[in-house]
């Protein structure tokens, strides 16, 4: 499915600035739309659970149009936030910044994620809230897994604990199929030039006890 069919982008509104002093994305409004639609990887959890909405990302720009101090100003605390933040960071170096612009000022881009051609109309607000809460709970369980393998690396673990962790990984769906999807996603990000995002994905695979990303980590994540 084409990404442009499932994404609606809200263009940045810099209401607190004189428009002559506002940074402009190279290529203008349409250029920004195209960049986002071509770069965005709709997060799997949110897509599967029909989670949509607006994520507001704030960031600052250097005189050379480099993005820094980027953070989610308003979001859901789930994977949509991470993807919106990743996209903003990918725009680094693609902004034209007026000489008069105050680089200590933060800009905000609201990005509206909207799924189309998915059977999402039947999902109730309650089901979506439950899915968001389930994601957050899953994050805590994932933390237990990564903590275990960090301890195992230093030799501090027991076979009994490892058996429990293996069961937890199975419960969360961290199987070979999942790992293959994450690797494929990381390779997509590498093609986009997003080495940071790709290496985060690859390192995560290692953190949950798999060596299947080790070769790619060695090549790309030094």
N, C-alpha and C. Protein backbone atom coordinates (compact mmCIF):
# COMPACT_ATOMS: atom_id res chain seq x y z
N UNK A 1 0.85 -1.20 0.00
CA UNK A 1 0.00 0.00 0.00
C UNK A 1 0.89 1.26 0.00
N UNK A 2 0.54 2.21 -0.80
CA UNK A 2 1.32 3.44 -0.87
C UNK A 2 1.20 4.21 0.43
N UNK A 3 2.35 4.70 0.93
CA UNK A 3 2.32 5.47 2.17
C UNK A 3 1.46 6.70 2.06
N UNK A 4 1.43 7.32 0.87
CA UNK A 4 0.65 8.54 0.69
C UNK A 4 -0.84 8.31 0.88
N UNK A 5 -1.27 7.09 0.82
CA UNK A 5 -2.69 6.80 0.98
C UNK A 5 -3.09 6.69 2.45
N UNK A 6 -2.12 6.52 3.31
CA UNK A 6 -2.46 6.32 4.72
C UNK A 6 -1.98 7.46 5.60
N UNK A 7 -1.40 8.48 5.00
CA UNK A 7 -0.88 9.60 5.80
C UNK A 7 -1.50 10.90 5.38
N UNK A 8 -1.97 11.65 6.37
CA UNK A 8 -2.39 13.03 6.13
C UNK A 8 -1.45 13.90 6.94
N UNK A 9 -0.83 14.86 6.30
CA UNK A 9 0.16 15.70 6.97
C UNK A 9 -0.39 17.09 7.19
N UNK A 10 -0.27 17.57 8.42
CA UNK A 10 -0.59 18.97 8.70
C UNK A 10 0.70 19.77 8.59
N UNK A 11 0.68 20.79 7.77
CA UNK A 11 1.86 21.61 7.53
C UNK A 11 2.11 22.51 8.74
N UNK A 12 3.41 22.80 9.04
CA UNK A 12 3.72 23.60 10.21
C UNK A 12 3.06 24.97 10.22
N UNK A 13 2.65 25.38 11.38
CA UNK A 13 2.07 26.71 11.57
C UNK A 13 2.92 27.44 12.60
N UNK A 14 3.62 28.45 12.18
CA UNK A 14 4.48 29.20 13.07
C UNK A 14 3.78 30.53 13.39
N UNK A 15 2.75 30.48 14.18
CA UNK A 15 1.91 31.65 14.39
C UNK A 15 2.59 32.75 15.19
N UNK A 16 3.64 32.38 15.93
CA UNK A 16 4.27 33.38 16.79
C UNK A 16 5.37 34.17 16.08
N UNK A 17 5.57 33.93 14.78
CA UNK A 17 6.64 34.58 14.06
C UNK A 17 6.12 35.44 12.91
N UNK A 18 6.86 36.48 12.59
CA UNK A 18 6.64 37.21 11.36
C UNK A 18 7.00 36.26 10.21
N UNK A 19 6.13 36.13 9.22
CA UNK A 19 6.35 35.13 8.18
C UNK A 19 7.64 35.35 7.39
N UNK A 20 8.12 36.59 7.35
CA UNK A 20 9.38 36.86 6.65
C UNK A 20 10.58 36.32 7.42
N UNK A 21 10.37 36.00 8.70
CA UNK A 21 11.47 35.55 9.54
C UNK A 21 11.40 34.05 9.83
N UNK A 22 10.44 33.37 9.21
CA UNK A 22 10.23 31.95 9.48
C UNK A 22 11.11 31.08 8.59
N UNK A 23 11.77 30.07 9.15
CA UNK A 23 12.52 29.12 8.32
C UNK A 23 11.59 28.42 7.35
N UNK A 24 12.12 28.11 6.18
CA UNK A 24 11.33 27.47 5.13
C UNK A 24 12.01 26.17 4.72
N UNK A 25 11.23 25.13 4.61
CA UNK A 25 11.77 23.86 4.13
C UNK A 25 12.14 23.98 2.66
N UNK A 26 13.30 23.46 2.30
CA UNK A 26 13.73 23.53 0.92
C UNK A 26 12.73 22.78 0.04
N UNK A 27 12.18 23.48 -0.92
CA UNK A 27 11.11 22.89 -1.73
C UNK A 27 9.75 23.37 -1.30
N UNK A 28 9.70 24.14 -0.19
CA UNK A 28 8.45 24.73 0.25
C UNK A 28 7.48 23.71 0.85
N UNK A 29 6.24 24.12 0.92
CA UNK A 29 5.18 23.31 1.52
C UNK A 29 5.05 21.96 0.82
N UNK A 30 5.01 21.97 -0.50
CA UNK A 30 4.88 20.71 -1.23
C UNK A 30 6.11 19.83 -1.05
N UNK A 31 7.26 20.46 -0.97
CA UNK A 31 8.48 19.69 -0.77
C UNK A 31 8.47 18.98 0.58
N UNK A 32 7.97 19.66 1.60
CA UNK A 32 7.86 19.05 2.92
C UNK A 32 6.85 17.92 2.92
N UNK A 33 5.70 18.14 2.26
CA UNK A 33 4.70 17.08 2.16
C UNK A 33 5.28 15.83 1.51
N UNK A 34 5.99 16.04 0.40
CA UNK A 34 6.57 14.91 -0.32
C UNK A 34 7.62 14.21 0.51
N UNK A 35 8.45 14.99 1.19
CA UNK A 35 9.51 14.40 1.99
C UNK A 35 8.93 13.51 3.08
N UNK A 36 7.92 14.01 3.78
CA UNK A 36 7.33 13.24 4.88
C UNK A 36 6.63 11.98 4.36
N UNK A 37 5.83 12.12 3.30
CA UNK A 37 5.09 10.97 2.79
C UNK A 37 6.03 9.89 2.25
N UNK A 38 7.17 10.31 1.70
CA UNK A 38 8.13 9.34 1.17
C UNK A 38 8.98 8.71 2.27
N UNK A 39 9.19 9.44 3.36
CA UNK A 39 10.09 8.97 4.42
C UNK A 39 9.38 8.20 5.52
N UNK A 40 8.11 8.49 5.73
CA UNK A 40 7.40 7.93 6.87
C UNK A 40 7.20 6.42 6.78
N UNK A 41 7.47 5.76 7.89
CA UNK A 41 7.17 4.34 8.03
C UNK A 41 6.10 4.25 9.12
N UNK A 42 4.86 4.00 8.71
CA UNK A 42 3.77 4.02 9.70
C UNK A 42 4.05 2.93 10.73
N UNK A 43 4.14 3.28 12.00
CA UNK A 43 4.51 2.32 13.05
C UNK A 43 3.55 1.13 13.10
N UNK A 44 4.14 -0.03 13.21
CA UNK A 44 3.37 -1.27 13.10
C UNK A 44 2.31 -1.41 14.19
N UNK A 45 2.67 -1.13 15.43
CA UNK A 45 1.70 -1.32 16.51
C UNK A 45 0.48 -0.41 16.31
N UNK A 46 0.73 0.84 16.01
CA UNK A 46 -0.37 1.79 15.82
C UNK A 46 -1.20 1.41 14.60
N UNK A 47 -0.55 0.93 13.55
CA UNK A 47 -1.29 0.55 12.36
C UNK A 47 -2.19 -0.65 12.64
N UNK A 48 -1.65 -1.64 13.36
CA UNK A 48 -2.42 -2.84 13.66
C UNK A 48 -3.59 -2.54 14.60
N UNK A 49 -3.44 -1.51 15.43
CA UNK A 49 -4.47 -1.20 16.42
C UNK A 49 -5.27 0.05 16.07
N UNK A 50 -5.13 0.51 14.83
CA UNK A 50 -5.91 1.66 14.33
C UNK A 50 -5.73 2.91 15.18
N UNK A 51 -4.52 3.13 15.66
CA UNK A 51 -4.25 4.32 16.47
C UNK A 51 -3.83 5.45 15.54
N UNK A 52 -4.55 6.54 15.58
CA UNK A 52 -4.32 7.69 14.73
C UNK A 52 -4.34 8.96 15.58
N UNK A 53 -3.86 10.03 15.03
CA UNK A 53 -3.93 11.29 15.75
C UNK A 53 -2.78 12.22 15.41
N UNK A 54 -2.76 13.35 16.10
CA UNK A 54 -1.76 14.38 15.83
C UNK A 54 -0.65 14.34 16.86
N UNK A 55 0.57 14.32 16.38
CA UNK A 55 1.76 14.38 17.23
C UNK A 55 2.44 15.71 16.98
N UNK A 56 2.66 16.47 18.01
CA UNK A 56 3.32 17.76 17.87
C UNK A 56 4.79 17.63 18.29
N UNK A 57 5.66 17.97 17.38
CA UNK A 57 7.10 17.89 17.63
C UNK A 57 7.69 19.28 17.61
N UNK A 58 8.40 19.62 18.67
CA UNK A 58 9.09 20.91 18.71
C UNK A 58 10.58 20.68 18.42
N UNK A 59 11.20 21.68 17.83
CA UNK A 59 12.61 21.56 17.50
C UNK A 59 13.19 22.96 17.27
N UNK A 60 14.51 23.01 17.25
CA UNK A 60 15.20 24.25 16.97
C UNK A 60 16.11 24.05 15.76
N UNK A 61 16.49 25.15 15.15
CA UNK A 61 17.32 25.10 13.96
C UNK A 61 18.56 25.97 14.11
N UNK A 62 19.68 25.47 13.62
CA UNK A 62 20.87 26.29 13.54
C UNK A 62 20.74 27.21 12.33
N UNK A 63 21.66 28.12 12.19
CA UNK A 63 21.65 29.02 11.03
C UNK A 63 21.79 28.25 9.71
N UNK A 64 22.38 27.05 9.80
CA UNK A 64 22.57 26.24 8.60
C UNK A 64 21.41 25.26 8.38
N UNK A 65 20.36 25.40 9.18
CA UNK A 65 19.19 24.57 8.99
C UNK A 65 19.28 23.18 9.57
N UNK A 66 20.22 22.99 10.52
CA UNK A 66 20.34 21.71 11.18
C UNK A 66 19.37 21.63 12.36
N UNK A 67 18.69 20.50 12.50
CA UNK A 67 17.74 20.31 13.59
C UNK A 67 18.47 19.93 14.87
N UNK A 68 18.08 20.56 15.98
CA UNK A 68 18.60 20.15 17.28
C UNK A 68 17.52 20.37 18.34
N UNK A 69 17.75 19.78 19.50
CA UNK A 69 16.82 19.90 20.62
C UNK A 69 15.39 19.54 20.20
N UNK A 70 15.25 18.45 19.46
CA UNK A 70 13.92 18.02 19.02
C UNK A 70 13.29 17.12 20.08
N UNK A 71 12.00 17.29 20.28
CA UNK A 71 11.29 16.48 21.27
C UNK A 71 9.80 16.51 20.99
N UNK A 72 9.12 15.49 21.46
CA UNK A 72 7.67 15.43 21.30
C UNK A 72 7.04 16.37 22.33
N UNK A 73 6.33 17.36 21.82
CA UNK A 73 5.67 18.31 22.70
C UNK A 73 4.32 17.78 23.18
N UNK A 74 3.62 17.08 22.28
CA UNK A 74 2.33 16.50 22.63
C UNK A 74 2.14 15.24 21.81
N UNK A 75 1.94 14.12 22.51
CA UNK A 75 1.77 12.85 21.81
C UNK A 75 1.02 11.85 22.67
N UNK A 76 1.21 10.58 22.33
CA UNK A 76 0.49 9.51 23.03
C UNK A 76 1.41 8.63 23.88
N UNK A 77 2.70 8.86 23.78
CA UNK A 77 3.63 8.01 24.52
C UNK A 77 3.77 6.64 23.90
N UNK A 78 3.59 6.54 22.58
CA UNK A 78 3.68 5.27 21.87
C UNK A 78 4.54 5.44 20.62
N UNK A 79 4.46 4.44 19.72
CA UNK A 79 5.35 4.46 18.56
C UNK A 79 5.07 5.57 17.56
N UNK A 80 3.86 6.14 17.56
CA UNK A 80 3.61 7.29 16.69
C UNK A 80 4.54 8.45 17.06
N UNK A 81 4.75 8.65 18.35
CA UNK A 81 5.63 9.71 18.82
C UNK A 81 7.03 9.53 18.26
N UNK A 82 7.52 8.28 18.35
CA UNK A 82 8.88 7.99 17.90
C UNK A 82 9.04 8.26 16.41
N UNK A 83 8.03 7.89 15.62
CA UNK A 83 8.14 8.10 14.17
C UNK A 83 8.05 9.57 13.80
N UNK A 84 7.17 10.31 14.47
CA UNK A 84 7.07 11.75 14.20
C UNK A 84 8.40 12.43 14.52
N UNK A 85 9.00 12.05 15.63
CA UNK A 85 10.29 12.63 16.03
C UNK A 85 11.38 12.25 15.03
N UNK A 86 11.38 11.02 14.58
CA UNK A 86 12.38 10.56 13.60
C UNK A 86 12.28 11.35 12.30
N UNK A 87 11.06 11.58 11.84
CA UNK A 87 10.87 12.32 10.60
C UNK A 87 11.40 13.75 10.72
N UNK A 88 11.13 14.40 11.83
CA UNK A 88 11.62 15.76 12.03
C UNK A 88 13.15 15.78 12.01
N UNK A 89 13.76 14.82 12.65
CA UNK A 89 15.23 14.76 12.66
C UNK A 89 15.78 14.52 11.26
N UNK A 90 15.02 13.80 10.44
CA UNK A 90 15.47 13.56 9.06
C UNK A 90 15.46 14.83 8.22
N UNK A 91 14.70 15.85 8.66
CA UNK A 91 14.67 17.10 7.89
C UNK A 91 15.90 17.96 8.15
N UNK A 92 16.76 17.52 9.06
CA UNK A 92 17.94 18.30 9.41
C UNK A 92 18.78 18.63 8.18
N UNK A 93 19.12 19.89 8.04
CA UNK A 93 19.91 20.35 6.90
C UNK A 93 19.08 20.70 5.68
N UNK A 94 17.77 20.55 5.78
CA UNK A 94 16.89 20.80 4.65
C UNK A 94 16.05 22.06 4.83
N UNK A 95 16.48 22.93 5.74
CA UNK A 95 15.74 24.17 6.01
C UNK A 95 16.56 25.38 5.59
N UNK A 96 15.86 26.39 5.08
CA UNK A 96 16.47 27.69 4.79
C UNK A 96 16.12 28.61 5.94
N UNK A 97 17.13 29.09 6.63
CA UNK A 97 16.91 29.88 7.84
C UNK A 97 17.28 31.34 7.59
N UNK A 98 16.34 32.27 7.75
CA UNK A 98 16.64 33.69 7.57
C UNK A 98 17.70 34.16 8.56
N UNK A 99 18.50 35.10 8.13
CA UNK A 99 19.57 35.62 8.99
C UNK A 99 19.01 36.22 10.27
N UNK A 100 17.80 36.76 10.21
CA UNK A 100 17.20 37.41 11.38
C UNK A 100 16.53 36.44 12.34
N UNK A 101 16.49 35.16 11.99
CA UNK A 101 15.76 34.20 12.83
C UNK A 101 16.51 33.93 14.13
N UNK A 102 15.77 33.90 15.22
CA UNK A 102 16.33 33.62 16.53
C UNK A 102 16.43 32.11 16.72
N UNK A 103 17.65 31.58 16.70
CA UNK A 103 17.84 30.13 16.76
C UNK A 103 17.59 29.55 18.15
N UNK A 104 17.30 30.40 19.13
CA UNK A 104 16.91 29.87 20.44
C UNK A 104 15.41 29.60 20.50
N UNK A 105 14.69 30.01 19.46
CA UNK A 105 13.24 29.81 19.41
C UNK A 105 12.92 28.40 18.94
N UNK A 106 11.93 27.81 19.57
CA UNK A 106 11.49 26.46 19.17
C UNK A 106 10.35 26.56 18.17
N UNK A 107 10.41 25.74 17.16
CA UNK A 107 9.34 25.62 16.17
C UNK A 107 8.55 24.35 16.47
N UNK A 108 7.31 24.33 16.05
CA UNK A 108 6.47 23.16 16.28
C UNK A 108 5.81 22.73 14.97
N UNK A 109 5.94 21.45 14.65
CA UNK A 109 5.24 20.89 13.50
C UNK A 109 4.24 19.85 14.01
N UNK A 110 2.95 20.07 13.77
CA UNK A 110 1.97 19.04 14.10
C UNK A 110 1.78 18.09 12.93
N UNK A 111 1.97 16.81 13.15
CA UNK A 111 1.81 15.82 12.10
C UNK A 111 0.62 14.93 12.45
N UNK A 112 -0.34 14.89 11.56
CA UNK A 112 -1.53 14.10 11.80
C UNK A 112 -1.43 12.76 11.08
N UNK A 113 -1.37 11.69 11.83
CA UNK A 113 -1.33 10.34 11.28
C UNK A 113 -2.76 9.85 11.11
N UNK A 114 -3.10 9.45 9.89
CA UNK A 114 -4.47 8.97 9.64
C UNK A 114 -4.42 7.77 8.70
N UNK A 115 -5.00 6.66 9.14
CA UNK A 115 -5.02 5.44 8.35
C UNK A 115 -6.24 5.42 7.44
N UNK A 116 -6.00 5.12 6.19
CA UNK A 116 -7.07 4.95 5.23
C UNK A 116 -7.00 3.55 4.66
N UNK A 117 -8.12 3.11 4.14
CA UNK A 117 -8.21 1.80 3.51
C UNK A 117 -7.86 0.68 4.48
N UNK A 118 -7.96 0.97 5.76
CA UNK A 118 -7.87 -0.04 6.80
C UNK A 118 -9.23 -0.10 7.47
N UNK A 119 -9.56 -1.23 8.03
CA UNK A 119 -10.85 -1.39 8.68
C UNK A 119 -10.79 -0.81 10.10
N UNK A 120 -10.69 0.52 10.16
CA UNK A 120 -10.52 1.18 11.45
C UNK A 120 -11.77 1.90 11.93
N UNK A 121 -12.77 2.02 11.08
CA UNK A 121 -13.96 2.77 11.47
C UNK A 121 -14.74 2.09 12.58
N UNK A 122 -14.57 0.77 12.71
CA UNK A 122 -15.31 0.04 13.73
C UNK A 122 -14.64 0.08 15.10
N UNK A 123 -13.44 0.63 15.15
CA UNK A 123 -12.71 0.68 16.43
C UNK A 123 -13.27 1.80 17.29
N UNK A 124 -13.66 1.45 18.51
CA UNK A 124 -14.22 2.45 19.43
C UNK A 124 -13.10 3.20 20.15
N UNK A 125 -13.44 4.35 20.71
CA UNK A 125 -12.47 5.12 21.49
C UNK A 125 -11.95 4.29 22.66
N UNK A 126 -12.81 3.50 23.25
CA UNK A 126 -12.40 2.66 24.39
C UNK A 126 -11.35 1.64 23.95
N UNK A 127 -11.56 1.01 22.81
CA UNK A 127 -10.61 0.01 22.31
C UNK A 127 -9.26 0.65 22.00
N UNK A 128 -9.30 1.88 21.47
CA UNK A 128 -8.05 2.56 21.15
C UNK A 128 -7.31 2.95 22.43
N UNK A 129 -8.04 3.42 23.43
CA UNK A 129 -7.41 3.74 24.72
C UNK A 129 -6.78 2.50 25.34
N UNK A 130 -7.48 1.38 25.23
CA UNK A 130 -6.95 0.13 25.77
C UNK A 130 -5.68 -0.28 25.03
N UNK A 131 -5.65 -0.07 23.72
CA UNK A 131 -4.47 -0.41 22.93
C UNK A 131 -3.28 0.47 23.32
N UNK A 132 -3.54 1.75 23.58
CA UNK A 132 -2.47 2.66 24.01
C UNK A 132 -1.93 2.23 25.37
N UNK A 133 -2.82 1.88 26.28
CA UNK A 133 -2.39 1.42 27.61
C UNK A 133 -1.63 0.11 27.52
N UNK A 134 -2.06 -0.77 26.60
CA UNK A 134 -1.37 -2.05 26.42
C UNK A 134 0.04 -1.84 25.90
N UNK A 135 0.20 -0.85 25.02
CA UNK A 135 1.54 -0.53 24.50
C UNK A 135 2.47 -0.11 25.63
N UNK A 136 1.97 0.74 26.51
CA UNK A 136 2.78 1.22 27.62
C UNK A 136 3.15 0.09 28.57
N UNK A 137 2.19 -0.82 28.80
CA UNK A 137 2.47 -1.98 29.65
C UNK A 137 3.52 -2.88 29.00
N UNK A 138 3.42 -3.02 27.68
CA UNK A 138 4.38 -3.83 26.94
C UNK A 138 5.79 -3.24 27.04
N UNK A 139 5.88 -1.93 27.05
CA UNK A 139 7.17 -1.28 27.18
C UNK A 139 7.84 -1.65 28.50
N UNK A 140 7.06 -1.74 29.57
CA UNK A 140 7.61 -2.12 30.87
C UNK A 140 8.12 -3.56 30.85
N UNK A 141 7.37 -4.45 30.22
CA UNK A 141 7.79 -5.85 30.12
C UNK A 141 9.04 -5.97 29.25
N UNK A 142 9.10 -5.18 28.20
CA UNK A 142 10.28 -5.18 27.34
C UNK A 142 11.51 -4.74 28.13
N UNK A 143 11.31 -3.79 29.03
CA UNK A 143 12.41 -3.35 29.89
C UNK A 143 12.96 -4.48 30.73
N UNK A 144 12.08 -5.35 31.20
CA UNK A 144 12.53 -6.51 31.99
C UNK A 144 13.39 -7.44 31.13
N UNK A 145 13.01 -7.58 29.85
CA UNK A 145 13.77 -8.44 28.94
C UNK A 145 15.16 -7.86 28.67
N UNK A 146 15.20 -6.58 28.33
CA UNK A 146 16.51 -5.96 28.01
C UNK A 146 17.41 -5.91 29.24
N UNK A 147 16.82 -5.71 30.41
CA UNK A 147 17.62 -5.71 31.65
C UNK A 147 18.23 -7.08 31.89
N UNK A 148 17.47 -8.13 31.61
CA UNK A 148 17.99 -9.48 31.81
C UNK A 148 19.21 -9.73 30.93
N UNK A 149 19.10 -9.38 29.63
CA UNK A 149 20.21 -9.67 28.72
C UNK A 149 21.42 -8.77 29.00
N UNK A 150 21.17 -7.62 29.56
CA UNK A 150 22.30 -6.77 29.97
C UNK A 150 23.05 -7.44 31.12
N UNK A 151 22.30 -8.02 32.06
CA UNK A 151 22.94 -8.73 33.18
C UNK A 151 23.61 -10.01 32.70
N UNK A 152 22.97 -10.69 31.75
CA UNK A 152 23.54 -11.93 31.23
C UNK A 152 24.89 -11.67 30.59
N UNK A 153 25.02 -10.55 29.92
CA UNK A 153 26.28 -10.21 29.26
C UNK A 153 27.41 -10.09 30.27
N UNK A 154 27.07 -9.68 31.49
CA UNK A 154 28.09 -9.55 32.53
C UNK A 154 28.20 -10.82 33.38
N UNK A 155 27.45 -11.87 32.98
CA UNK A 155 27.53 -13.15 33.68
C UNK A 155 26.61 -13.29 34.87
N UNK A 156 25.74 -12.32 35.10
CA UNK A 156 24.87 -12.33 36.27
C UNK A 156 23.44 -12.75 35.87
N UNK A 157 23.25 -14.07 35.79
CA UNK A 157 21.91 -14.56 35.43
C UNK A 157 21.80 -16.01 35.85
N UNK A 158 20.58 -16.51 35.84
CA UNK A 158 20.34 -17.91 36.17
C UNK A 158 19.52 -18.54 35.06
N UNK A 159 19.69 -19.85 34.82
CA UNK A 159 18.90 -20.54 33.80
C UNK A 159 17.39 -20.42 34.05
N UNK A 160 17.00 -20.38 35.30
CA UNK A 160 15.58 -20.24 35.64
C UNK A 160 15.04 -18.91 35.15
N UNK A 161 15.81 -17.86 35.37
CA UNK A 161 15.40 -16.54 34.90
C UNK A 161 15.32 -16.49 33.39
N UNK A 162 16.27 -17.14 32.73
CA UNK A 162 16.28 -17.12 31.27
C UNK A 162 15.05 -17.82 30.70
N UNK A 163 14.62 -18.88 31.36
CA UNK A 163 13.41 -19.57 30.91
C UNK A 163 12.19 -18.66 31.02
N UNK A 164 12.11 -17.90 32.10
CA UNK A 164 11.00 -16.96 32.28
C UNK A 164 11.04 -15.86 31.23
N UNK A 165 12.23 -15.38 30.94
CA UNK A 165 12.38 -14.34 29.93
C UNK A 165 12.00 -14.85 28.55
N UNK A 166 12.36 -16.10 28.25
CA UNK A 166 11.99 -16.69 26.96
C UNK A 166 10.48 -16.78 26.82
N UNK A 167 9.82 -17.13 27.91
CA UNK A 167 8.35 -17.19 27.89
C UNK A 167 7.75 -15.80 27.70
N UNK A 168 8.37 -14.81 28.32
CA UNK A 168 7.89 -13.44 28.19
C UNK A 168 8.07 -12.94 26.75
N UNK A 169 9.20 -13.27 26.14
CA UNK A 169 9.43 -12.90 24.74
C UNK A 169 8.39 -13.53 23.83
N UNK A 170 8.06 -14.77 24.10
CA UNK A 170 7.03 -15.45 23.31
C UNK A 170 5.68 -14.77 23.49
N UNK A 171 5.39 -14.37 24.72
CA UNK A 171 4.13 -13.69 25.02
C UNK A 171 4.01 -12.37 24.27
N UNK A 172 5.14 -11.65 24.16
CA UNK A 172 5.13 -10.35 23.51
C UNK A 172 5.31 -10.44 21.99
N UNK A 173 5.54 -11.64 21.51
CA UNK A 173 5.68 -11.80 20.06
C UNK A 173 7.05 -11.47 19.53
N UNK A 174 8.07 -11.51 20.38
CA UNK A 174 9.43 -11.23 19.94
C UNK A 174 10.06 -12.51 19.38
N UNK A 175 9.53 -12.94 18.26
CA UNK A 175 9.99 -14.18 17.63
C UNK A 175 10.80 -13.87 16.38
N UNK A 176 11.16 -14.91 15.63
CA UNK A 176 11.98 -14.72 14.43
C UNK A 176 11.29 -13.86 13.38
N UNK A 177 9.98 -14.01 13.26
CA UNK A 177 9.25 -13.21 12.30
C UNK A 177 9.30 -11.73 12.66
N UNK A 178 9.13 -11.45 13.94
CA UNK A 178 9.21 -10.06 14.42
C UNK A 178 10.60 -9.49 14.16
N UNK A 179 11.62 -10.26 14.48
CA UNK A 179 12.99 -9.79 14.29
C UNK A 179 13.27 -9.50 12.82
N UNK A 180 12.75 -10.35 11.93
CA UNK A 180 12.93 -10.12 10.49
C UNK A 180 12.28 -8.82 10.06
N UNK A 181 11.11 -8.52 10.61
CA UNK A 181 10.43 -7.27 10.27
C UNK A 181 11.22 -6.06 10.75
N UNK A 182 11.79 -6.16 11.93
CA UNK A 182 12.57 -5.04 12.47
C UNK A 182 13.83 -4.82 11.63
N UNK A 183 14.47 -5.91 11.22
CA UNK A 183 15.66 -5.79 10.38
C UNK A 183 15.31 -5.15 9.04
N UNK A 184 14.20 -5.57 8.47
CA UNK A 184 13.75 -4.99 7.20
C UNK A 184 13.48 -3.50 7.37
N UNK A 185 12.86 -3.13 8.48
CA UNK A 185 12.58 -1.73 8.75
C UNK A 185 13.88 -0.94 8.90
N UNK A 186 14.86 -1.52 9.58
CA UNK A 186 16.15 -0.86 9.75
C UNK A 186 16.85 -0.65 8.41
N UNK A 187 16.76 -1.64 7.54
CA UNK A 187 17.37 -1.52 6.21
C UNK A 187 16.70 -0.42 5.40
N UNK A 188 15.39 -0.28 5.57
CA UNK A 188 14.65 0.81 4.91
C UNK A 188 15.17 2.16 5.40
N UNK A 189 15.37 2.27 6.69
CA UNK A 189 15.86 3.51 7.26
C UNK A 189 17.28 3.82 6.79
N UNK A 190 18.10 2.79 6.64
CA UNK A 190 19.45 3.01 6.13
C UNK A 190 19.41 3.57 4.71
N UNK A 191 18.48 3.10 3.89
CA UNK A 191 18.34 3.61 2.53
C UNK A 191 17.91 5.08 2.54
N UNK A 192 17.19 5.49 3.59
CA UNK A 192 16.76 6.88 3.72
C UNK A 192 17.89 7.77 4.24
N UNK A 193 18.99 7.14 4.66
CA UNK A 193 20.08 7.90 5.25
C UNK A 193 19.92 8.09 6.74
N UNK A 194 18.95 7.38 7.33
CA UNK A 194 18.69 7.50 8.77
C UNK A 194 19.47 6.43 9.51
N UNK A 195 20.75 6.64 9.64
CA UNK A 195 21.62 5.68 10.32
C UNK A 195 21.28 5.58 11.80
N UNK A 196 20.96 6.70 12.42
CA UNK A 196 20.63 6.71 13.84
C UNK A 196 19.39 5.85 14.12
N UNK A 197 18.33 6.06 13.35
CA UNK A 197 17.10 5.30 13.54
C UNK A 197 17.30 3.82 13.25
N UNK A 198 18.06 3.51 12.20
CA UNK A 198 18.32 2.12 11.85
C UNK A 198 19.10 1.41 12.94
N UNK A 199 20.10 2.08 13.47
CA UNK A 199 20.93 1.46 14.51
C UNK A 199 20.15 1.28 15.81
N UNK A 200 19.21 2.15 16.08
CA UNK A 200 18.35 1.95 17.26
C UNK A 200 17.55 0.66 17.10
N UNK A 201 17.03 0.42 15.91
CA UNK A 201 16.28 -0.81 15.66
C UNK A 201 17.18 -2.04 15.78
N UNK A 202 18.35 -1.96 15.18
CA UNK A 202 19.27 -3.10 15.19
C UNK A 202 19.79 -3.39 16.59
N UNK A 203 20.09 -2.35 17.33
CA UNK A 203 20.57 -2.55 18.70
C UNK A 203 19.47 -3.13 19.57
N UNK A 204 18.22 -2.79 19.29
CA UNK A 204 17.10 -3.34 20.05
C UNK A 204 17.04 -4.86 19.89
N UNK A 205 17.27 -5.32 18.67
CA UNK A 205 17.27 -6.76 18.43
C UNK A 205 18.32 -7.45 19.29
N UNK A 206 19.48 -6.83 19.38
CA UNK A 206 20.54 -7.39 20.23
C UNK A 206 20.13 -7.35 21.69
N UNK A 207 19.46 -6.28 22.09
CA UNK A 207 19.07 -6.12 23.50
C UNK A 207 18.04 -7.14 23.95
N UNK A 208 17.26 -7.69 23.00
CA UNK A 208 16.29 -8.71 23.40
C UNK A 208 16.84 -10.12 23.18
N UNK A 209 18.15 -10.22 23.07
CA UNK A 209 18.81 -11.52 23.11
C UNK A 209 19.03 -12.21 21.79
N UNK A 210 18.94 -11.50 20.67
CA UNK A 210 19.17 -12.12 19.36
C UNK A 210 20.46 -11.59 18.75
N UNK A 211 21.15 -12.45 18.02
CA UNK A 211 22.38 -12.04 17.33
C UNK A 211 22.16 -11.85 15.83
N UNK A 212 20.89 -11.85 15.41
CA UNK A 212 20.60 -11.81 13.97
C UNK A 212 20.89 -10.45 13.33
N UNK A 213 21.07 -9.43 14.14
CA UNK A 213 21.39 -8.11 13.59
C UNK A 213 22.86 -7.76 13.77
N UNK A 214 23.63 -8.66 14.32
CA UNK A 214 25.02 -8.35 14.68
C UNK A 214 25.86 -7.92 13.47
N UNK A 215 25.67 -8.59 12.34
CA UNK A 215 26.46 -8.26 11.15
C UNK A 215 26.16 -6.84 10.68
N UNK A 216 24.87 -6.49 10.65
CA UNK A 216 24.49 -5.14 10.23
C UNK A 216 24.96 -4.09 11.23
N UNK A 217 24.95 -4.44 12.50
CA UNK A 217 25.46 -3.52 13.53
C UNK A 217 26.95 -3.27 13.31
N UNK A 218 27.68 -4.34 13.04
CA UNK A 218 29.11 -4.22 12.83
C UNK A 218 29.42 -3.32 11.64
N UNK A 219 28.62 -3.41 10.59
CA UNK A 219 28.86 -2.64 9.37
C UNK A 219 28.42 -1.19 9.51
N UNK A 220 27.29 -0.97 10.18
CA UNK A 220 26.64 0.36 10.13
C UNK A 220 26.66 1.15 11.42
N UNK A 221 26.92 0.51 12.55
CA UNK A 221 26.67 1.17 13.83
C UNK A 221 27.91 1.32 14.70
N UNK A 222 29.02 1.55 14.11
CA UNK A 222 30.24 1.76 14.90
C UNK A 222 30.25 3.15 15.49
